[in-house]
Protein backbone atom coordinates (compact mmCIF):
# COMPACT_ATOMS: atom_id res chain seq x y z
CA MET A 1 -2.83 18.96 24.56
CA LEU A 2 -5.72 16.66 25.57
CA HIS A 3 -9.30 17.78 25.08
CA ALA A 4 -12.09 16.59 27.39
CA THR A 5 -14.68 16.82 24.63
CA HIS A 6 -14.64 14.07 22.03
CA ILE A 7 -16.55 14.29 18.75
CA ALA A 8 -17.03 11.11 16.72
CA VAL A 9 -17.85 11.47 13.03
CA ASP A 10 -19.20 8.82 10.69
CA LEU A 11 -18.13 10.03 7.23
CA ALA A 12 -20.27 9.63 4.14
CA LYS A 13 -20.69 11.19 0.71
CA SER A 14 -23.43 13.68 1.56
CA VAL A 15 -24.74 13.19 5.13
CA PHE A 16 -22.52 13.02 8.24
CA GLU A 17 -23.51 11.53 11.59
CA ILE A 18 -21.89 13.28 14.59
CA VAL A 19 -21.95 12.56 18.32
CA VAL A 20 -20.43 14.69 21.08
CA SER A 21 -19.23 13.17 24.35
CA ASP A 22 -17.94 14.95 27.46
CA GLN A 23 -17.68 11.78 29.58
CA PRO A 24 -16.45 8.30 28.63
CA GLY A 25 -19.31 6.14 27.37
CA LYS A 26 -21.90 8.95 27.51
CA VAL A 27 -23.30 10.82 24.48
CA MET A 28 -24.27 14.44 25.12
CA GLU A 29 -25.31 15.56 21.61
CA ARG A 30 -26.25 14.04 18.30
CA HIS A 31 -26.25 15.77 14.92
CA ARG A 32 -26.92 14.69 11.36
CA LEU A 33 -25.47 17.30 9.00
CA PRO A 34 -25.33 17.70 5.22
CA ARG A 35 -22.02 18.29 3.49
CA ARG A 36 -22.50 22.05 3.08
CA THR A 37 -22.73 22.71 6.85
CA PHE A 38 -20.24 20.08 8.03
CA LEU A 39 -17.20 22.36 8.46
CA GLU A 40 -19.36 25.17 9.81
CA PHE A 41 -20.28 22.92 12.74
CA PHE A 42 -16.61 22.58 13.78
CA ALA A 43 -15.82 26.25 13.14
CA ASN A 44 -18.41 27.27 15.74
CA ARG A 45 -17.30 24.82 18.46
CA PRO A 46 -14.49 25.08 21.03
CA THR A 47 -11.42 22.93 20.44
CA ALA A 48 -12.04 19.20 20.84
CA THR A 49 -10.70 15.79 19.83
CA VAL A 50 -12.39 14.68 16.62
CA VAL A 51 -12.33 10.92 15.98
CA MET A 52 -13.05 9.40 12.56
CA GLU A 53 -12.43 6.18 10.67
CA ALA A 54 -9.57 6.29 8.14
CA CYS A 55 -11.90 5.68 5.21
CA GLY A 56 -12.56 7.54 1.96
CA THR A 57 -12.13 11.37 2.19
CA ALA A 58 -10.97 11.03 5.82
CA HIS A 59 -7.55 12.61 5.22
CA PHE A 60 -9.12 15.56 3.36
CA TRP A 61 -11.61 16.28 6.15
CA ALA A 62 -8.92 15.72 8.80
CA ARG A 63 -6.74 18.45 7.27
CA LYS A 64 -9.72 20.81 7.06
CA ILE A 65 -10.82 20.19 10.66
CA GLU A 66 -7.25 20.51 11.99
CA SER A 67 -6.97 23.91 10.30
CA LEU A 68 -9.88 25.03 12.54
CA GLY A 69 -7.85 24.23 15.67
CA HIS A 70 -9.18 20.80 16.57
CA ARG A 71 -7.17 17.62 17.16
CA VAL A 72 -8.08 14.86 14.70
CA VAL A 73 -7.58 11.13 15.30
CA LEU A 74 -8.06 8.60 12.48
CA LEU A 75 -8.72 4.98 13.49
CA PRO A 76 -8.36 1.86 11.29
CA PRO A 77 -11.91 0.85 10.22
CA ALA A 78 -11.23 -2.88 10.67
CA GLN A 79 -10.38 -2.33 14.34
CA VAL A 80 -13.43 -0.14 14.95
CA ARG A 81 -15.89 -2.74 13.63
CA PRO A 82 -15.83 -5.01 16.76
CA TYR A 83 -17.06 -2.05 18.85
CA VAL A 84 -20.21 -1.60 16.76
CA LEU A 85 -22.95 -3.35 18.72
CA ARG A 86 -26.15 -4.79 17.28
CA ASN A 87 -27.12 -3.61 13.79
CA LYS A 88 -24.76 -1.45 11.75
CA THR A 89 -26.19 2.05 11.38
CA ASP A 90 -24.69 5.54 11.36
CA ARG A 91 -25.71 6.00 15.01
CA THR A 92 -24.11 2.76 16.18
CA ASP A 93 -21.02 3.45 14.05
CA THR A 94 -20.36 6.74 15.87
CA ARG A 95 -20.77 5.04 19.25
CA GLY A 96 -18.34 2.36 18.13
CA ILE A 97 -15.80 4.99 17.06
CA LEU A 98 -16.01 6.61 20.51
CA GLU A 99 -15.48 3.29 22.28
CA ALA A 100 -12.62 2.24 19.99
CA HIS A 101 -10.82 5.52 20.69
CA ARG A 102 -10.62 4.59 24.37
CA ASN A 103 -8.57 1.49 23.53
CA ASP A 104 -4.86 2.38 23.70
CA ASP A 105 -3.92 -0.75 21.74
CA ILE A 106 -5.52 0.72 18.59
CA HIS A 107 -2.89 2.89 16.94
CA PRO A 108 -4.18 5.92 15.01
CA VAL A 109 -3.54 6.32 11.29
CA PRO A 110 -1.32 9.34 10.51
CA ILE A 111 -2.99 12.07 8.49
CA LYS A 112 -1.55 12.22 4.99
CA SER A 113 -0.37 15.49 3.49
CA ILE A 114 -1.43 16.57 0.00
CA GLU A 115 2.02 15.58 -1.31
CA GLN A 116 1.66 12.10 0.16
CA GLN A 117 -1.79 11.70 -1.35
CA ALA A 118 -0.45 12.78 -4.75
CA LEU A 119 2.20 10.05 -4.54
CA THR A 120 -0.30 7.41 -3.40
CA SER A 121 -2.63 8.39 -6.25
CA LEU A 122 0.16 7.92 -8.80
CA HIS A 123 0.86 4.46 -7.37
CA ARG A 124 -2.82 3.49 -7.33
CA ILE A 125 -3.38 4.66 -10.92
CA ARG A 126 -0.28 2.86 -12.17
CA SER A 127 -1.31 -0.31 -10.32
CA ALA A 128 -4.79 -0.17 -11.87
CA TRP A 129 -3.31 0.25 -15.36
CA VAL A 130 -0.92 -2.67 -14.79
CA ALA A 131 -3.83 -4.88 -13.70
CA GLU A 132 -5.88 -3.83 -16.73
CA ARG A 133 -2.98 -4.48 -19.12
CA THR A 134 -2.36 -7.91 -17.57
CA ALA A 135 -6.05 -8.80 -17.97
CA LYS A 136 -6.03 -7.77 -21.65
CA ILE A 137 -2.79 -9.66 -22.35
CA ASN A 138 -4.24 -12.79 -20.74
CA LEU A 139 -7.42 -12.36 -22.81
CA LEU A 140 -5.43 -12.01 -26.02
CA ARG A 141 -3.16 -14.93 -25.15
CA GLY A 142 -6.10 -17.19 -24.26
CA LEU A 143 -8.12 -16.42 -27.39
CA LEU A 144 -5.13 -17.01 -29.66
CA ARG A 145 -4.37 -20.26 -27.87
CA GLU A 146 -7.91 -21.43 -28.74
CA LEU A 147 -6.91 -20.98 -32.39
CA GLY A 148 -3.71 -22.98 -31.92
CA LEU A 149 -1.43 -19.92 -31.77
CA VAL A 150 0.93 -19.72 -28.77
CA ILE A 151 2.59 -16.50 -27.56
CA PRO A 152 5.86 -16.77 -25.58
CA VAL A 153 5.86 -15.87 -21.89
CA GLY A 154 6.41 -12.18 -21.07
CA ALA A 155 4.32 -9.03 -21.32
CA LYS A 156 6.74 -7.41 -23.80
CA LYS A 157 6.47 -10.35 -26.21
CA ALA A 158 2.66 -10.49 -26.29
CA VAL A 159 1.84 -7.64 -28.70
CA PRO A 160 4.66 -8.19 -31.26
CA HIS A 161 3.89 -11.91 -31.62
CA ALA A 162 0.13 -11.33 -31.70
CA TRP A 163 0.56 -8.63 -34.34
CA ALA A 164 2.66 -10.98 -36.43
CA PHE A 165 -0.16 -13.54 -36.31
CA ILE A 166 -2.73 -10.87 -37.26
CA GLU A 167 -0.73 -9.75 -40.31
CA ASP A 168 -0.04 -13.30 -41.44
CA ASP A 169 -2.76 -14.45 -43.84
CA GLU A 170 -1.80 -18.09 -43.24
CA SER A 171 -1.99 -17.93 -39.42
CA GLY A 172 -5.52 -19.33 -39.29
CA ILE A 173 -7.15 -16.33 -37.56
CA PRO A 174 -10.69 -15.78 -38.95
CA ASP A 175 -11.09 -12.51 -40.84
CA ALA A 176 -13.86 -11.41 -38.45
CA LEU A 177 -11.41 -11.53 -35.52
CA ARG A 178 -8.40 -9.74 -37.09
CA PRO A 179 -9.72 -6.16 -36.56
CA VAL A 180 -10.79 -6.98 -32.99
CA PHE A 181 -7.40 -8.47 -32.14
CA ALA A 182 -5.69 -5.44 -33.68
CA GLU A 183 -7.78 -3.16 -31.47
CA LEU A 184 -6.87 -5.22 -28.42
CA CYS A 185 -3.17 -4.91 -29.28
CA ASP A 186 -3.55 -1.12 -29.60
CA GLU A 187 -5.20 -0.95 -26.17
CA ILE A 188 -2.36 -2.96 -24.62
CA ARG A 189 0.21 -0.64 -26.21
CA ALA A 190 -1.66 2.45 -24.97
CA LEU A 191 -1.79 1.06 -21.42
CA GLY A 192 1.94 0.39 -21.56
CA GLU A 193 2.56 4.03 -22.54
CA ARG A 194 0.36 5.24 -19.66
CA ILE A 195 2.27 3.06 -17.19
CA THR A 196 5.57 4.46 -18.48
CA GLY A 197 4.20 8.00 -18.11
CA ALA A 198 3.20 7.37 -14.49
CA GLU A 199 6.67 5.99 -13.76
CA ARG A 200 8.23 9.11 -15.28
CA GLN A 201 6.17 11.25 -12.94
CA LEU A 202 7.26 9.13 -9.97
CA GLU A 203 10.87 9.49 -11.12
CA ALA A 204 10.48 13.26 -11.27
CA VAL A 205 9.20 13.28 -7.67
CA ALA A 206 12.01 10.96 -6.51
CA LYS A 207 14.69 13.22 -8.02
CA HIS A 208 13.75 15.99 -5.57
CA SER A 209 13.64 13.69 -2.53
CA ALA A 210 16.83 12.96 -0.57
CA ALA A 211 15.01 10.22 1.36
CA ALA A 212 14.08 8.42 -1.87
CA ALA A 213 17.70 8.60 -3.05
CA ARG A 214 18.90 7.05 0.23
CA LEU A 215 16.33 4.27 0.03
CA ARG A 216 17.42 3.36 -3.49
CA THR A 217 20.88 2.46 -2.19
CA ILE A 218 19.32 -0.65 -0.57
CA PRO A 219 19.50 -3.84 -2.71
CA GLY A 220 16.07 -4.60 -4.16
CA VAL A 221 14.67 -1.13 -3.45
CA GLY A 222 13.94 0.74 -6.64
CA LEU A 223 11.71 3.59 -7.72
CA LEU A 224 8.40 1.97 -6.78
CA VAL A 225 9.44 0.78 -3.32
CA ALA A 226 11.21 4.04 -2.43
CA THR A 227 8.34 6.31 -3.43
CA GLY A 228 5.79 3.83 -2.05
CA VAL A 229 7.39 3.95 1.40
CA LEU A 230 7.36 7.76 1.39
CA ALA A 231 3.74 7.83 0.20
CA PHE A 232 2.11 5.13 2.33
CA VAL A 233 4.25 5.20 5.49
CA GLY A 234 5.10 8.86 6.00
CA ASP A 235 6.82 9.60 9.32
CA ILE A 236 9.11 6.68 10.23
CA ASP A 237 9.54 7.94 13.82
CA ARG A 238 6.16 6.47 14.78
CA PHE A 239 7.77 3.00 14.70
CA PRO A 240 9.91 2.36 17.82
CA SER A 241 12.08 -0.24 16.11
CA ALA A 242 12.76 -1.93 12.79
CA ARG A 243 10.77 -4.99 13.89
CA HIS A 244 7.71 -2.81 14.53
CA PHE A 245 7.99 -1.50 10.97
CA ALA A 246 8.33 -5.01 9.49
CA SER A 247 5.36 -6.12 11.60
CA TYR A 248 3.34 -3.15 10.34
CA LEU A 249 3.94 -4.38 6.78
CA GLY A 250 2.83 -7.93 7.67
CA LEU A 251 6.28 -9.47 7.07
CA THR A 252 6.74 -11.01 10.54
CA PRO A 253 5.59 -14.55 11.50
CA ARG A 254 2.06 -15.13 12.72
CA GLU A 255 2.13 -16.43 16.30
CA SER A 256 -0.25 -18.90 17.94
CA SER A 257 1.08 -19.60 21.42
CA SER A 258 -0.36 -20.76 24.70
CA GLY A 259 1.26 -21.66 28.02
CA MET A 260 4.67 -23.24 27.44
CA ARG A 261 3.98 -23.88 23.76
CA ARG A 262 5.09 -21.31 21.20
CA SER A 263 4.15 -21.72 17.55
CA LEU A 264 5.21 -19.44 14.67
CA GLY A 265 3.61 -19.76 11.27
CA GLY A 266 3.69 -17.85 8.00
CA ILE A 267 3.77 -14.08 7.74
CA THR A 268 0.76 -12.18 9.10
CA LYS A 269 0.05 -10.32 5.81
CA ARG A 270 -1.27 -7.36 7.80
CA GLY A 271 -0.77 -3.76 6.81
CA ASP A 272 -0.60 -2.38 3.29
CA CYS A 273 -0.77 -5.24 0.77
CA TYR A 274 0.60 -3.11 -2.09
CA LEU A 275 3.76 -2.05 -0.27
CA ARG A 276 4.39 -5.57 1.01
CA THR A 277 4.01 -6.93 -2.54
CA MET A 278 6.46 -4.36 -3.91
CA LEU A 279 9.04 -5.28 -1.25
CA ILE A 280 8.74 -9.00 -2.06
CA HIS A 281 9.07 -8.29 -5.79
CA GLY A 282 12.16 -6.22 -5.02
CA ALA A 283 13.57 -9.08 -2.95
CA ARG A 284 13.04 -11.47 -5.88
CA ALA A 285 14.90 -9.07 -8.17
CA ALA A 286 17.75 -8.83 -5.65
CA LEU A 287 17.98 -12.65 -5.54
CA VAL A 288 18.12 -12.89 -9.34
CA HIS A 289 20.85 -10.24 -9.40
CA ALA A 290 22.78 -12.10 -6.68
CA HIS A 291 22.86 -15.22 -8.86
CA ARG A 292 24.49 -13.21 -11.65
CA THR A 293 27.01 -11.42 -9.40
CA PRO A 294 30.31 -13.22 -8.79
CA ALA A 295 30.77 -11.82 -5.27
CA PRO A 296 27.50 -10.54 -3.73
CA ASP A 297 27.50 -8.68 -0.42
CA ARG A 298 26.69 -10.30 2.94
CA LEU A 299 22.98 -9.55 2.68
CA ARG A 300 22.50 -11.25 -0.67
CA GLU A 301 24.90 -14.07 0.21
CA TRP A 302 22.71 -14.78 3.26
CA ALA A 303 19.62 -14.80 1.00
CA LEU A 304 21.31 -17.22 -1.42
CA ARG A 305 22.19 -19.62 1.41
CA LEU A 306 18.60 -19.48 2.64
CA GLU A 307 17.31 -20.09 -0.88
CA ARG A 308 19.31 -23.31 -1.12
CA THR A 309 17.77 -24.67 2.08
CA ALA A 310 14.25 -23.16 2.17
CA GLY A 311 13.44 -22.43 -1.47
CA SER A 312 13.21 -19.23 -3.48
CA LYS A 313 9.77 -18.12 -2.24
CA ARG A 314 10.62 -18.27 1.45
CA ALA A 315 13.99 -16.69 0.79
CA SER A 316 12.31 -13.80 -1.05
CA VAL A 317 9.93 -13.14 1.84
CA ALA A 318 12.74 -13.37 4.40
CA LEU A 319 14.85 -10.96 2.35
CA ALA A 320 11.87 -8.60 2.08
CA ASN A 321 11.64 -8.68 5.89
CA LYS A 322 15.30 -7.70 6.17
CA MET A 323 14.85 -5.01 3.50
CA ALA A 324 11.98 -3.50 5.51
CA ARG A 325 14.20 -3.32 8.60
CA ILE A 326 16.98 -1.69 6.57
CA VAL A 327 14.46 0.81 5.18
CA TRP A 328 13.57 1.77 8.75
CA ALA A 329 17.24 2.18 9.69
CA VAL A 330 18.06 4.26 6.59
CA LEU A 331 15.16 6.66 7.19
CA LYS A 332 15.66 6.75 10.95
CA HIS A 333 19.38 7.60 10.82
CA ASP A 334 19.37 9.62 7.55
CA ARG A 335 22.22 7.78 5.87
CA ASP A 336 22.77 5.60 2.82
CA PHE A 337 22.91 1.82 2.99
CA LYS A 338 26.46 0.48 2.73
CA SER A 339 26.77 -3.13 1.69
CA ALA A 340 29.14 -5.23 3.77
CA PRO A 341 31.56 -7.43 1.79
CA ILE A 342 31.82 -11.13 2.56
CA ALA A 343 34.59 -11.87 5.04
CA ALA A 344 37.49 -13.89 3.67
């Protein structure tokens, strides 16, 4: 059902700017409300289309406003910005949101459920812990290298080798640094345990999801990719084809064409960077596994042939593109992926 009245909201932490429009390009009302009276404003109004940017707290407020009978549309903030004229203020932001909503080429962001937000939070927390652990390992490795002590490559080897240097009286580490290095090793261990705990929670969620189990039948798709797709993508039916889904993830070539000249470059890198990164990591893992398998399936055999001609990095990205298309097909048709053997 379409509503003639459109309400644009510029979200903030404590003060919300609101404009009401009954005609395209014309503002009928303006309001600046504190947080405590924000929902009361919508409860006392007839049903309307509420337009907001998909920024912080947007999904929470969207669920609350929808429960009051309104239709909520979330727009990508990056695509709203060109419609903000002159200086950026709350007033001009709301006008820009109204104008951006009139553009049919801007696709709304689906409103996440609480379950989806729980999954995305687990992924974000785990990702932050991984980044923090990597930073601490690099710090430990760099400081020990300054003392002439080299740790082998690999996150799992960092703490055991560093601890061996700390306990060795002849290693050359100054006594003032031994307790500090020991503390750093303990922090790295603790972060590793937290990451493992977050993965256990993701595994517990995946066990109760038939869609996650189907996704994990795809080569290169493991726990993180399967739960990440369910968390960040949501309803797969909003993508008309597998290419649309791969394009949404930024895995399709960037085009720069004019007239009779068509030029394709590297991937666009649009969409969710985290999910795209996980897919490429999964593709790398699938390539490594294909090297160790005597008779890989057609998908991985194709990736191996491409690796020989284009290199491992391009082959990984191309395989990630194919994996994204297979993910769309598996979710769209509700069936497991079946690998095709190589024809004799």
